Amino acid sequence: MLEARGVAANARSLGERVAAANGGILVADDGCVSWVLDAGVLHAYDFAGNPEAIAPLVAQLDAIANASFAAVVATTLWDDDGLLEALKTCDFVVDWDELDVRAGQPTRLLGLLRQIG
């Protein structure tokens, strides 16, 4: 799923994510996401899969965040990422954005938050 989104899968990195006490990988029927807990923030990254089926992953992230007393789930996406609208539908809001360059073209990087509670 990661390779389909242009993200190179690294077996060592994936193994470390699975073994981490403060992080891991969630897998649903049609998607996956990596996560790491840092103080009161659950960082979600490397979303992959069907944007229409993102809600079960968000529900799993919420459960981890609640159990870990995290206040928010945070993620970062490019402004043209196909998951952006799906995450907004799941109550993620844009917290910050900045200009960036990707493949020699100007673009925006967006930081999204979902409040837990």
PDB file of N, CA and C in Angstrom:
ATOM      1  N   MET A   1       0.820  -1.195   0.000  1.00  0.00           N
ATOM      2  CA  MET A   1       0.000   0.000   0.000  1.00  0.00           C
ATOM      3  C   MET A   1       0.863   1.258   0.000  1.00  0.00           C
ATOM      4  N   LEU A   2       1.974   1.234   0.771  1.00  0.00           N
ATOM      5  CA  LEU A   2       2.851   2.400   0.791  1.00  0.00           C
ATOM      6  C   LEU A   2       3.473   2.635  -0.573  1.00  0.00           C
ATOM      7  N   GLU A   3       3.948   1.576  -1.199  1.00  0.00           N
ATOM      8  CA  GLU A   3       4.581   1.718  -2.502  1.00  0.00           C
ATOM      9  C   GLU A   3       3.607   2.256  -3.534  1.00  0.00           C
ATOM     10  N   ALA A   4       2.323   1.934  -3.413  1.00  0.00           N
ATOM     11  CA  ALA A   4       1.314   2.459  -4.330  1.00  0.00           C
ATOM     12  C   ALA A   4       1.186   3.967  -4.215  1.00  0.00           C
ATOM     13  N   ARG A   5       1.526   4.520  -3.038  1.00  0.00           N
ATOM     14  CA  ARG A   5       1.470   5.973  -2.835  1.00  0.00           C
ATOM     15  C   ARG A   5       2.812   6.631  -3.101  1.00  0.00           C
ATOM     16  N   GLY A   6       3.801   5.847  -3.560  1.00  0.00           N
ATOM     17  CA  GLY A   6       5.106   6.415  -3.850  1.00  0.00           C
ATOM     18  C   GLY A   6       6.022   6.491  -2.640  1.00  0.00           C
ATOM     19  N   VAL A   7       5.666   5.795  -1.559  1.00  0.00           N
ATOM     20  CA  VAL A   7       6.494   5.762  -0.347  1.00  0.00           C
ATOM     21  C   VAL A   7       7.265   4.456  -0.358  1.00  0.00           C
ATOM     22  N   ALA A   8       8.590   4.554  -0.356  1.00  0.00           N
ATOM     23  CA  ALA A   8       9.415   3.349  -0.372  1.00  0.00           C
ATOM     24  C   ALA A   8       9.318   2.629   0.968  1.00  0.00           C
ATOM     25  N   ALA A   9       8.917   1.373   0.939  1.00  0.00           N
ATOM     26  CA  ALA A   9       8.824   0.577   2.164  1.00  0.00           C
ATOM     27  C   ALA A   9      10.208   0.054   2.525  1.00  0.00           C
ATOM     28  N   ASN A  10      10.616   0.255   3.771  1.00  0.00           N
ATOM     29  CA  ASN A  10      11.905  -0.184   4.265  1.00  0.00           C
ATOM     30  C   ASN A  10      11.633  -1.218   5.358  1.00  0.00           C
ATOM     31  N   ALA A  11      12.065  -2.457   5.139  1.00  0.00           N
ATOM     32  CA  ALA A  11      11.754  -3.542   6.073  1.00  0.00           C
ATOM     33  C   ALA A  11      12.274  -3.250   7.479  1.00  0.00           C
ATOM     34  N   ARG A  12      13.452  -2.683   7.600  1.00  0.00           N
ATOM     35  CA  ARG A  12      14.003  -2.367   8.928  1.00  0.00           C
ATOM     36  C   ARG A  12      13.148  -1.321   9.633  1.00  0.00           C
ATOM     37  N   SER A  13      12.768  -0.280   8.894  1.00  0.00           N
ATOM     38  CA  SER A  13      11.931   0.771   9.473  1.00  0.00           C
ATOM     39  C   SER A  13      10.587   0.204   9.915  1.00  0.00           C
ATOM     40  N   LEU A  14       9.979  -0.627   9.075  1.00  0.00           N
ATOM     41  CA  LEU A  14       8.695  -1.220   9.435  1.00  0.00           C
ATOM     42  C   LEU A  14       8.829  -2.102  10.665  1.00  0.00           C
ATOM     43  N   GLY A  15       9.900  -2.872  10.748  1.00  0.00           N
ATOM     44  CA  GLY A  15      10.134  -3.720  11.917  1.00  0.00           C
ATOM     45  C   GLY A  15      10.285  -2.917  13.184  1.00  0.00           C
ATOM     46  N   GLU A  16      11.001  -1.789  13.100  1.00  0.00           N
ATOM     47  CA  GLU A  16      11.174  -0.934  14.273  1.00  0.00           C
ATOM     48  C   GLU A  16       9.856  -0.301  14.700  1.00  0.00           C
ATOM     49  N   ARG A  17       9.029   0.052  13.733  1.00  0.00           N
ATOM     50  CA  ARG A  17       7.722   0.631  14.063  1.00  0.00           C
ATOM     51  C   ARG A  17       6.858  -0.378  14.802  1.00  0.00           C
ATOM     52  N   VAL A  18       6.855  -1.607  14.337  1.00  0.00           N
ATOM     53  CA  VAL A  18       6.047  -2.648  14.964  1.00  0.00           C
ATOM     54  C   VAL A  18       6.542  -2.947  16.376  1.00  0.00           C
ATOM     55  N   ALA A  19       7.851  -2.925  16.588  1.00  0.00           N
ATOM     56  CA  ALA A  19       8.438  -3.288  17.882  1.00  0.00           C
ATOM     57  C   ALA A  19       8.453  -2.134  18.887  1.00  0.00           C
ATOM     58  N   ALA A  20       8.213  -0.923  18.457  1.00  0.00           N
ATOM     59  CA  ALA A  20       8.310   0.241  19.336  1.00  0.00           C
ATOM     60  C   ALA A  20       7.242   0.215  20.420  1.00  0.00           C
ATOM     61  N   ALA A  21       7.650   0.533  21.639  1.00  0.00           N
ATOM     62  CA  ALA A  21       6.705   0.577  22.756  1.00  0.00           C
ATOM     63  C   ALA A  21       5.779   1.786  22.647  1.00  0.00           C
ATOM     64  N   ASN A  22       6.256   2.855  22.028  1.00  0.00           N
ATOM     65  CA  ASN A  22       5.460   4.079  21.941  1.00  0.00           C
ATOM     66  C   ASN A  22       4.976   4.344  20.519  1.00  0.00           C
ATOM     67  N   GLY A  23       4.879   3.300  19.708  1.00  0.00           N
ATOM     68  CA  GLY A  23       4.437   3.481  18.334  1.00  0.00           C
ATOM     69  C   GLY A  23       4.064   2.158  17.712  1.00  0.00           C
ATOM     70  N   GLY A  24       3.672   2.220  16.444  1.00  0.00           N
ATOM     71  CA  GLY A  24       3.317   0.991  15.758  1.00  0.00           C
ATOM     72  C   GLY A  24       2.700   1.264  14.405  1.00  0.00           C
ATOM     73  N   ILE A  25       2.088   0.237  13.865  1.00  0.00           N
ATOM     74  CA  ILE A  25       1.413   0.309  12.579  1.00  0.00           C
ATOM     75  C   ILE A  25       0.013  -0.261  12.763  1.00  0.00           C
ATOM     76  N   LEU A  26      -0.965   0.467  12.286  1.00  0.00           N
ATOM     77  CA  LEU A  26      -2.346  -0.017  12.293  1.00  0.00           C
ATOM     78  C   LEU A  26      -2.705  -0.467  10.887  1.00  0.00           C
ATOM     79  N   VAL A  27      -3.396  -1.579  10.785  1.00  0.00           N
ATOM     80  CA  VAL A  27      -3.811  -2.106   9.496  1.00  0.00           C
ATOM     81  C   VAL A  27      -5.302  -2.366   9.555  1.00  0.00           C
ATOM     82  N   ALA A  28      -6.019  -1.828   8.588  1.00  0.00           N
ATOM     83  CA  ALA A  28      -7.454  -2.096   8.439  1.00  0.00           C
ATOM     84  C   ALA A  28      -7.629  -2.847   7.124  1.00  0.00           C
ATOM     85  N   ASP A  29      -8.857  -3.178   6.790  1.00  0.00           N
ATOM     86  CA  ASP A  29      -9.117  -3.946   5.569  1.00  0.00           C
ATOM     87  C   ASP A  29      -8.511  -3.302   4.332  1.00  0.00           C
ATOM     88  N   ASP A  30      -8.595  -1.987   4.249  1.00  0.00           N
ATOM     89  CA  ASP A  30      -8.210  -1.312   3.009  1.00  0.00           C
ATOM     90  C   ASP A  30      -7.263  -0.144   3.260  1.00  0.00           C
ATOM     91  N   GLY A  31      -6.412  -0.241   4.313  1.00  0.00           N
ATOM     92  CA  GLY A  31      -5.487   0.846   4.577  1.00  0.00           C
ATOM     93  C   GLY A  31      -4.576   0.555   5.753  1.00  0.00           C
ATOM     94  N   CYS A  32      -3.595   1.415   5.919  1.00  0.00           N
ATOM     95  CA  CYS A  32      -2.696   1.303   7.060  1.00  0.00           C
ATOM     96  C   CYS A  32      -2.149   2.693   7.396  1.00  0.00           C
ATOM     97  N   VAL A  33      -1.638   2.817   8.619  1.00  0.00           N
ATOM     98  CA  VAL A  33      -1.036   4.057   9.073  1.00  0.00           C
ATOM     99  C   VAL A  33      -0.027   3.711  10.170  1.00  0.00           C
ATOM    100  N   SER A  34       1.079   4.431  10.187  1.00  0.00           N
ATOM    101  CA  SER A  34       2.053   4.298  11.271  1.00  0.00           C
ATOM    102  C   SER A  34       1.759   5.384  12.297  1.00  0.00           C
ATOM    103  N   TRP A  35       2.152   5.141  13.556  1.00  0.00           N
ATOM    104  CA  TRP A  35       1.894   6.135  14.591  1.00  0.00           C
ATOM    105  C   TRP A  35       3.002   6.073  15.639  1.00  0.00           C
ATOM    106  N   VAL A  36       3.184   7.206  16.310  1.00  0.00           N
ATOM    107  CA  VAL A  36       4.118   7.288  17.430  1.00  0.00           C
ATOM    108  C   VAL A  36       3.543   8.280  18.437  1.00  0.00           C
ATOM    109  N   LEU A  37       3.657   7.948  19.700  1.00  0.00           N
ATOM    110  CA  LEU A  37       3.158   8.809  20.772  1.00  0.00           C
ATOM    111  C   LEU A  37       4.305   9.658  21.295  1.00  0.00           C
ATOM    112  N   ASP A  38       4.100  10.969  21.335  1.00  0.00           N
ATOM    113  CA  ASP A  38       5.097  11.907  21.849  1.00  0.00           C
ATOM    114  C   ASP A  38       4.381  12.841  22.811  1.00  0.00           C
ATOM    115  N   ALA A  39       4.548  12.587  24.112  1.00  0.00           N
ATOM    116  CA  ALA A  39       3.871  13.356  25.164  1.00  0.00           C
ATOM    117  C   ALA A  39       2.365  13.269  24.925  1.00  0.00           C
ATOM    118  N   GLY A  40       1.687  14.389  24.745  1.00  0.00           N
ATOM    119  CA  GLY A  40       0.243  14.389  24.583  1.00  0.00           C
ATOM    120  C   GLY A  40      -0.217  14.379  23.145  1.00  0.00           C
ATOM    121  N   VAL A  41       0.696  14.054  22.217  1.00  0.00           N
ATOM    122  CA  VAL A  41       0.350  14.056  20.795  1.00  0.00           C
ATOM    123  C   VAL A  41       0.589  12.670  20.201  1.00  0.00           C
ATOM    124  N   LEU A  42      -0.426  12.146  19.535  1.00  0.00           N
ATOM    125  CA  LEU A  42      -0.277  10.914  18.786  1.00  0.00           C
ATOM    126  C   LEU A  42      -0.045  11.321  17.335  1.00  0.00           C
ATOM    127  N   HIS A  43       1.174  11.121  16.843  1.00  0.00           N
ATOM    128  CA  HIS A  43       1.526  11.481  15.468  1.00  0.00           C
ATOM    129  C   HIS A  43       1.210  10.309  14.546  1.00  0.00           C
ATOM    130  N   ALA A  44       0.402  10.569  13.519  1.00  0.00           N
ATOM    131  CA  ALA A  44       0.057   9.565  12.516  1.00  0.00           C
ATOM    132  C   ALA A  44       0.778   9.934  11.219  1.00  0.00           C
ATOM    133  N   TYR A  45       1.409   8.941  10.591  1.00  0.00           N
ATOM    134  CA  TYR A  45       2.151   9.227   9.365  1.00  0.00           C
ATOM    135  C   TYR A  45       2.126   8.015   8.444  1.00  0.00           C
ATOM    136  N   ASP A  46       2.467   8.252   7.196  1.00  0.00           N
ATOM    137  CA  ASP A  46       2.465   7.209   6.170  1.00  0.00           C
ATOM    138  C   ASP A  46       1.110   6.530   6.032  1.00  0.00           C
ATOM    139  N   PHE A  47       0.040   7.355   6.000  1.00  0.00           N
ATOM    140  CA  PHE A  47      -1.275   6.796   5.679  1.00  0.00           C
ATOM    141  C   PHE A  47      -1.185   6.164   4.296  1.00  0.00           C
ATOM    142  N   ALA A  48      -1.819   5.039   4.100  1.00  0.00           N
ATOM    143  CA  ALA A  48      -1.858   4.406   2.784  1.00  0.00           C
ATOM    144  C   ALA A  48      -3.157   3.632   2.657  1.00  0.00           C
ATOM    145  N   GLY A  49      -3.594   3.486   1.435  1.00  0.00           N
ATOM    146  CA  GLY A  49      -4.805   2.718   1.188  1.00  0.00           C
ATOM    147  C   GLY A  49      -5.897   3.556   0.572  1.00  0.00           C
ATOM    148  N   ASN A  50      -7.098   3.089   0.689  1.00  0.00           N
ATOM    149  CA  ASN A  50      -8.267   3.714   0.105  1.00  0.00           C
ATOM    150  C   ASN A  50      -8.732   4.890   0.970  1.00  0.00           C
ATOM    151  N   PRO A  51      -8.712   6.123   0.426  1.00  0.00           N
ATOM    152  CA  PRO A  51      -9.163   7.276   1.216  1.00  0.00           C
ATOM    153  C   PRO A  51     -10.599   7.145   1.718  1.00  0.00           C
ATOM    154  N   GLU A  52     -11.421   6.411   0.997  1.00  0.00           N
ATOM    155  CA  GLU A  52     -12.815   6.249   1.388  1.00  0.00           C
ATOM    156  C   GLU A  52     -12.961   5.348   2.621  1.00  0.00           C
ATOM    157  N   ALA A  53     -11.918   4.597   2.953  1.00  0.00           N
ATOM    158  CA  ALA A  53     -11.986   3.658   4.070  1.00  0.00           C
ATOM    159  C   ALA A  53     -11.075   4.085   5.219  1.00  0.00           C
ATOM    160  N   ILE A  54     -10.850   5.382   5.366  1.00  0.00           N
ATOM    161  CA  ILE A  54      -9.918   5.883   6.378  1.00  0.00           C
ATOM    162  C   ILE A  54     -10.549   5.911   7.770  1.00  0.00           C
ATOM    163  N   ALA A  55     -11.868   5.959   7.855  1.00  0.00           N
ATOM    164  CA  ALA A  55     -12.549   6.090   9.152  1.00  0.00           C
ATOM    165  C   ALA A  55     -12.180   4.987  10.155  1.00  0.00           C
ATOM    166  N   PRO A  56     -12.079   3.708   9.757  1.00  0.00           N
ATOM    167  CA  PRO A  56     -11.680   2.689  10.746  1.00  0.00           C
ATOM    168  C   PRO A  56     -10.282   2.926  11.312  1.00  0.00           C
ATOM    169  N   LEU A  57      -9.370   3.426  10.490  1.00  0.00           N
ATOM    170  CA  LEU A  57      -8.029   3.738  10.993  1.00  0.00           C
ATOM    171  C   LEU A  57      -8.077   4.893  11.983  1.00  0.00           C
ATOM    172  N   VAL A  58      -8.879   5.903  11.680  1.00  0.00           N
ATOM    173  CA  VAL A  58      -9.018   7.048  12.587  1.00  0.00           C
ATOM    174  C   VAL A  58      -9.621   6.580  13.914  1.00  0.00           C
ATOM    175  N   ALA A  59     -10.584   5.683  13.859  1.00  0.00           N
ATOM    176  CA  ALA A  59     -11.179   5.153  15.090  1.00  0.00           C
ATOM    177  C   ALA A  59     -10.131   4.407  15.922  1.00  0.00           C
ATOM    178  N   GLN A  60      -9.267   3.646  15.266  1.00  0.00           N
ATOM    179  CA  GLN A  60      -8.200   2.950  15.983  1.00  0.00           C
ATOM    180  C   GLN A  60      -7.199   3.944  16.576  1.00  0.00           C
ATOM    181  N   LEU A  61      -6.869   4.991  15.836  1.00  0.00           N
ATOM    182  CA  LEU A  61      -5.977   6.040  16.366  1.00  0.00           C
ATOM    183  C   LEU A  61      -6.603   6.704  17.591  1.00  0.00           C
ATOM    184  N   ASP A  62      -7.897   6.978  17.520  1.00  0.00           N
ATOM    185  CA  ASP A  62      -8.600   7.576  18.661  1.00  0.00           C
ATOM    186  C   ASP A  62      -8.514   6.683  19.897  1.00  0.00           C
ATOM    187  N   ALA A  63      -8.701   5.382  19.698  1.00  0.00           N
ATOM    188  CA  ALA A  63      -8.650   4.448  20.824  1.00  0.00           C
ATOM    189  C   ALA A  63      -7.265   4.445  21.468  1.00  0.00           C
ATOM    190  N   ILE A  64      -6.222   4.455  20.644  1.00  0.00           N
ATOM    191  CA  ILE A  64      -4.856   4.508  21.181  1.00  0.00           C
ATOM    192  C   ILE A  64      -4.622   5.825  21.898  1.00  0.00           C
ATOM    193  N   ALA A  65      -5.063   6.913  21.297  1.00  0.00           N
ATOM    194  CA  ALA A  65      -4.895   8.238  21.904  1.00  0.00           C
ATOM    195  C   ALA A  65      -5.612   8.309  23.249  1.00  0.00           C
ATOM    196  N   ASN A  66      -6.844   7.834  23.313  1.00  0.00           N
ATOM    197  CA  ASN A  66      -7.589   7.836  24.573  1.00  0.00           C
ATOM    198  C   ASN A  66      -6.888   7.011  25.643  1.00  0.00           C
ATOM    199  N   ALA A  67      -6.433   5.825  25.277  1.00  0.00           N
ATOM    200  CA  ALA A  67      -5.767   4.949  26.237  1.00  0.00           C
ATOM    201  C   ALA A  67      -4.435   5.526  26.714  1.00  0.00           C
ATOM    202  N   SER A  68      -3.831   6.367  25.881  1.00  0.00           N
ATOM    203  CA  SER A  68      -2.521   6.953  26.198  1.00  0.00           C
ATOM    204  C   SER A  68      -2.628   8.371  26.763  1.00  0.00           C
ATOM    205  N   PHE A  69      -3.849   8.856  26.952  1.00  0.00           N
ATOM    206  CA  PHE A  69      -4.107  10.206  27.442  1.00  0.00           C
ATOM    207  C   PHE A  69      -3.549  11.286  26.525  1.00  0.00           C
ATOM    208  N   ALA A  70      -3.511  11.013  25.231  1.00  0.00           N
ATOM    209  CA  ALA A  70      -3.096  12.022  24.253  1.00  0.00           C
ATOM    210  C   ALA A  70      -4.247  13.008  24.050  1.00  0.00           C
ATOM    211  N   ALA A  71      -3.904  14.252  23.827  1.00  0.00           N
ATOM    212  CA  ALA A  71      -4.922  15.288  23.625  1.00  0.00           C
ATOM    213  C   ALA A  71      -5.333  15.422  22.169  1.00  0.00           C
ATOM    214  N   VAL A  72      -4.401  15.126  21.248  1.00  0.00           N
ATOM    215  CA  VAL A  72      -4.678  15.291  19.822  1.00  0.00           C
ATOM    216  C   VAL A  72      -3.986  14.192  19.015  1.00  0.00           C
ATOM    217  N   VAL A  73      -4.528  13.979  17.819  1.00  0.00           N
ATOM    218  CA  VAL A  73      -3.854  13.180  16.794  1.00  0.00           C
ATOM    219  C   VAL A  73      -3.390  14.192  15.755  1.00  0.00           C
ATOM    220  N   ALA A  74      -2.133  14.119  15.361  1.00  0.00           N
ATOM    221  CA  ALA A  74      -1.562  15.060  14.399  1.00  0.00           C
ATOM    222  C   ALA A  74      -1.007  14.309  13.198  1.00  0.00           C
ATOM    223  N   THR A  75      -1.081  14.930  12.035  1.00  0.00           N
ATOM    224  CA  THR A  75      -0.478  14.377  10.830  1.00  0.00           C
ATOM    225  C   THR A  75      -0.084  15.521   9.904  1.00  0.00           C
ATOM    226  N   THR A  76       0.755  15.219   8.954  1.00  0.00           N
ATOM    227  CA  THR A  76       1.222  16.204   7.977  1.00  0.00           C
ATOM    228  C   THR A  76       1.036  15.630   6.585  1.00  0.00           C
ATOM    229  N   LEU A  77       0.442  16.427   5.694  1.00  0.00           N
ATOM    230  CA  LEU A  77       0.183  15.997   4.318  1.00  0.00           C
ATOM    231  C   LEU A  77       0.498  17.127   3.353  1.00  0.00           C
ATOM    232  N   TRP A  78       0.755  16.759   2.092  1.00  0.00           N
ATOM    233  CA  TRP A  78       0.827  17.757   1.027  1.00  0.00           C
ATOM    234  C   TRP A  78      -0.590  18.213   0.708  1.00  0.00           C
ATOM    235  N   ASP A  79      -0.728  19.414   0.189  1.00  0.00           N
ATOM    236  CA  ASP A  79      -2.061  19.962  -0.090  1.00  0.00           C
ATOM    237  C   ASP A  79      -2.808  19.220  -1.193  1.00  0.00           C
ATOM    238  N   ASP A  80      -2.116  18.426  -1.998  1.00  0.00           N
ATOM    239  CA  ASP A  80      -2.793  17.687  -3.064  1.00  0.00           C
ATOM    240  C   ASP A  80      -2.965  16.201  -2.727  1.00  0.00           C
ATOM    241  N   ASP A  81      -2.751  15.838  -1.470  1.00  0.00           N
ATOM    242  CA  ASP A  81      -2.866  14.441  -1.056  1.00  0.00           C
ATOM    243  C   ASP A  81      -4.331  14.004  -1.120  1.00  0.00           C
ATOM    244  N   GLY A  82      -4.573  12.850  -1.698  1.00  0.00           N
ATOM    245  CA  GLY A  82      -5.930  12.327  -1.823  1.00  0.00           C
ATOM    246  C   GLY A  82      -6.604  12.030  -0.495  1.00  0.00           C
ATOM    247  N   LEU A  83      -5.828  11.933   0.589  1.00  0.00           N
ATOM    248  CA  LEU A  83      -6.401  11.661   1.909  1.00  0.00           C
ATOM    249  C   LEU A  83      -6.878  12.921   2.631  1.00  0.00           C
ATOM    250  N   LEU A  84      -6.512  14.079   2.126  1.00  0.00           N
ATOM    251  CA  LEU A  84      -6.819  15.328   2.826  1.00  0.00           C
ATOM    252  C   LEU A  84      -8.319  15.476   3.109  1.00  0.00           C
ATOM    253  N   GLU A  85      -9.133  15.354   2.105  1.00  0.00           N
ATOM    254  CA  GLU A  85     -10.580  15.532   2.300  1.00  0.00           C
ATOM    255  C   GLU A  85     -11.160  14.437   3.185  1.00  0.00           C
ATOM    256  N   ALA A  86     -10.660  13.223   3.040  1.00  0.00           N
ATOM    257  CA  ALA A  86     -11.148  12.127   3.887  1.00  0.00           C
ATOM    258  C   ALA A  86     -10.825  12.396   5.353  1.00  0.00           C
ATOM    259  N   LEU A  87      -9.641  12.918   5.634  1.00  0.00           N
ATOM    260  CA  LEU A  87      -9.282  13.231   7.018  1.00  0.00           C
ATOM    261  C   LEU A  87     -10.108  14.401   7.550  1.00  0.00           C
ATOM    262  N   LYS A  88     -10.376  15.384   6.712  1.00  0.00           N
ATOM    263  CA  LYS A  88     -11.243  16.493   7.136  1.00  0.00           C
ATOM    264  C   LYS A  88     -12.642  15.984   7.478  1.00  0.00           C
ATOM    265  N   THR A  89     -13.126  15.002   6.731  1.00  0.00           N
ATOM    266  CA  THR A  89     -14.424  14.395   7.013  1.00  0.00           C
ATOM    267  C   THR A  89     -14.427  13.712   8.377  1.00  0.00           C
ATOM    268  N   CYS A  90     -13.243  13.271   8.804  1.00  0.00           N
ATOM    269  CA  CYS A  90     -13.098  12.623  10.121  1.00  0.00           C
ATOM    270  C   CYS A  90     -12.701  13.631  11.201  1.00  0.00           C
ATOM    271  N   ASP A  91     -13.023  14.896  10.998  1.00  0.00           N
ATOM    272  CA  ASP A  91     -12.823  15.975  11.972  1.00  0.00           C
ATOM    273  C   ASP A  91     -11.378  16.403  12.177  1.00  0.00           C
ATOM    274  N   PHE A  92     -10.495  16.115  11.227  1.00  0.00           N
ATOM    275  CA  PHE A  92      -9.165  16.728  11.260  1.00  0.00           C
ATOM    276  C   PHE A  92      -9.308  18.144  10.717  1.00  0.00           C
ATOM    277  N   VAL A  93      -8.596  19.086  11.312  1.00  0.00           N
ATOM    278  CA  VAL A  93      -8.596  20.464  10.840  1.00  0.00           C
ATOM    279  C   VAL A  93      -7.162  20.891  10.555  1.00  0.00           C
ATOM    280  N   VAL A  94      -7.006  21.803   9.619  1.00  0.00           N
ATOM    281  CA  VAL A  94      -5.679  22.321   9.297  1.00  0.00           C
ATOM    282  C   VAL A  94      -5.252  23.250  10.424  1.00  0.00           C
ATOM    283  N   ASP A  95      -4.140  22.920  11.050  1.00  0.00           N
ATOM    284  CA  ASP A  95      -3.587  23.709  12.150  1.00  0.00           C
ATOM    285  C   ASP A  95      -2.544  24.699  11.641  1.00  0.00           C
ATOM    286  N   TRP A  96      -1.788  24.299  10.637  1.00  0.00           N
ATOM    287  CA  TRP A  96      -0.764  25.165  10.057  1.00  0.00           C
ATOM    288  C   TRP A  96      -0.512  24.738   8.619  1.00  0.00           C
ATOM    289  N   ASP A  97       0.054  25.646   7.845  1.00  0.00           N
ATOM    290  CA  ASP A  97       0.492  25.300   6.498  1.00  0.00           C
ATOM    291  C   ASP A  97       1.708  26.149   6.156  1.00  0.00           C
ATOM    292  N   GLU A  98       2.533  25.623   5.294  1.00  0.00           N
ATOM    293  CA  GLU A  98       3.727  26.357   4.880  1.00  0.00           C
ATOM    294  C   GLU A  98       4.047  26.044   3.427  1.00  0.00           C
ATOM    295  N   LEU A  99       4.637  27.018   2.773  1.00  0.00           N
ATOM    296  CA  LEU A  99       5.082  26.811   1.399  1.00  0.00           C
ATOM    297  C   LEU A  99       6.258  25.858   1.396  1.00  0.00           C
ATOM    298  N   ASP A 100       6.319  25.041   0.355  1.00  0.00           N
ATOM    299  CA  ASP A 100       7.413  24.082   0.224  1.00  0.00           C
ATOM    300  C   ASP A 100       7.641  23.843  -1.261  1.00  0.00           C
ATOM    301  N   VAL A 101       8.655  23.083  -1.576  1.00  0.00           N
ATOM    302  CA  VAL A 101       8.944  22.712  -2.955  1.00  0.00           C
ATOM    303  C   VAL A 101       9.056  21.199  -3.003  1.00  0.00           C
ATOM    304  N   ARG A 102       8.364  20.603  -3.964  1.00  0.00           N
ATOM    305  CA  ARG A 102       8.420  19.149  -4.153  1.00  0.00           C
ATOM    306  C   ARG A 102       8.601  18.899  -5.635  1.00  0.00           C
ATOM    307  N   ALA A 103       9.635  18.143  -5.962  1.00  0.00           N
ATOM    308  CA  ALA A 103       9.958  17.839  -7.361  1.00  0.00           C
ATOM    309  C   ALA A 103      10.110  19.121  -8.178  1.00  0.00           C
ATOM    310  N   GLY A 104      10.679  20.148  -7.558  1.00  0.00           N
ATOM    311  CA  GLY A 104      10.936  21.405  -8.249  1.00  0.00           C
ATOM    312  C   GLY A 104       9.732  22.303  -8.424  1.00  0.00           C
ATOM    313  N   GLN A 105       8.599  21.910  -7.873  1.00  0.00           N
ATOM    314  CA  GLN A 105       7.365  22.683  -8.011  1.00  0.00           C
ATOM    315  C   GLN A 105       6.901  23.211  -6.660  1.00  0.00           C
ATOM    316  N   PRO A 106       6.377  24.436  -6.624  1.00  0.00           N
ATOM    317  CA  PRO A 106       5.873  24.961  -5.346  1.00  0.00           C
ATOM    318  C   PRO A 106       4.629  24.203  -4.909  1.00  0.00           C
ATOM    319  N   THR A 107       4.509  24.001  -3.627  1.00  0.00           N
ATOM    320  CA  THR A 107       3.359  23.302  -3.056  1.00  0.00           C
ATOM    321  C   THR A 107       3.199  23.761  -1.607  1.00  0.00           C
ATOM    322  N   ARG A 108       2.239  23.232  -0.916  1.00  0.00           N
ATOM    323  CA  ARG A 108       2.022  23.549   0.490  1.00  0.00           C
ATOM    324  C   ARG A 108       2.041  22.263   1.304  1.00  0.00           C
ATOM    325  N   LEU A 109       2.639  22.351   2.465  1.00  0.00           N
ATOM    326  CA  LEU A 109       2.641  21.274   3.431  1.00  0.00           C
ATOM    327  C   LEU A 109       1.657  21.669   4.521  1.00  0.00           C
ATOM    328  N   LEU A 110       0.745  20.760   4.877  1.00  0.00           N
ATOM    329  CA  LEU A 110      -0.314  21.067   5.832  1.00  0.00           C
ATOM    330  C   LEU A 110      -0.166  20.213   7.091  1.00  0.00           C
ATOM    331  N   GLY A 111      -0.303  20.839   8.234  1.00  0.00           N
ATOM    332  CA  GLY A 111      -0.348  20.127   9.506  1.00  0.00           C
ATOM    333  C   GLY A 111      -1.789  20.044   9.960  1.00  0.00           C
ATOM    334  N   LEU A 112      -2.276  18.826  10.186  1.00  0.00           N
ATOM    335  CA  LEU A 112      -3.660  18.622  10.594  1.00  0.00           C
ATOM    336  C   LEU A 112      -3.724  18.078  12.004  1.00  0.00           C
ATOM    337  N   LEU A 113      -4.773  18.470  12.728  1.00  0.00           N
ATOM    338  CA  LEU A 113      -5.004  17.996  14.089  1.00  0.00           C
ATOM    339  C   LEU A 113      -6.430  17.478  14.215  1.00  0.00           C
ATOM    340  N   ARG A 114      -6.570  16.499  15.080  1.00  0.00           N
ATOM    341  CA  ARG A 114      -7.899  16.002  15.478  1.00  0.00           C
ATOM    342  C   ARG A 114      -7.900  15.958  16.993  1.00  0.00           C
ATOM    343  N   GLN A 115      -8.784  16.722  17.580  1.00  0.00           N
ATOM    344  CA  GLN A 115      -8.866  16.779  19.032  1.00  0.00           C
ATOM    345  C   GLN A 115      -9.521  15.507  19.575  1.00  0.00           C
ATOM    346  N   ILE A 116      -8.961  14.997  20.658  1.00  0.00           N
ATOM    347  CA  ILE A 116      -9.486  13.797  21.301  1.00  0.00           C
ATOM    348  C   ILE A 116     -10.347  14.223  22.482  1.00  0.00           C
ATOM    349  N   GLY A 117     -11.454  13.581  22.631  1.00  0.00           N
ATOM    350  CA  GLY A 117     -12.257  13.932  23.796  1.00  0.00           C
ATOM    351  C   GLY A 117     -13.661  13.783  23.552  1.00  0.00           C
TER     352      GLY A 117
END
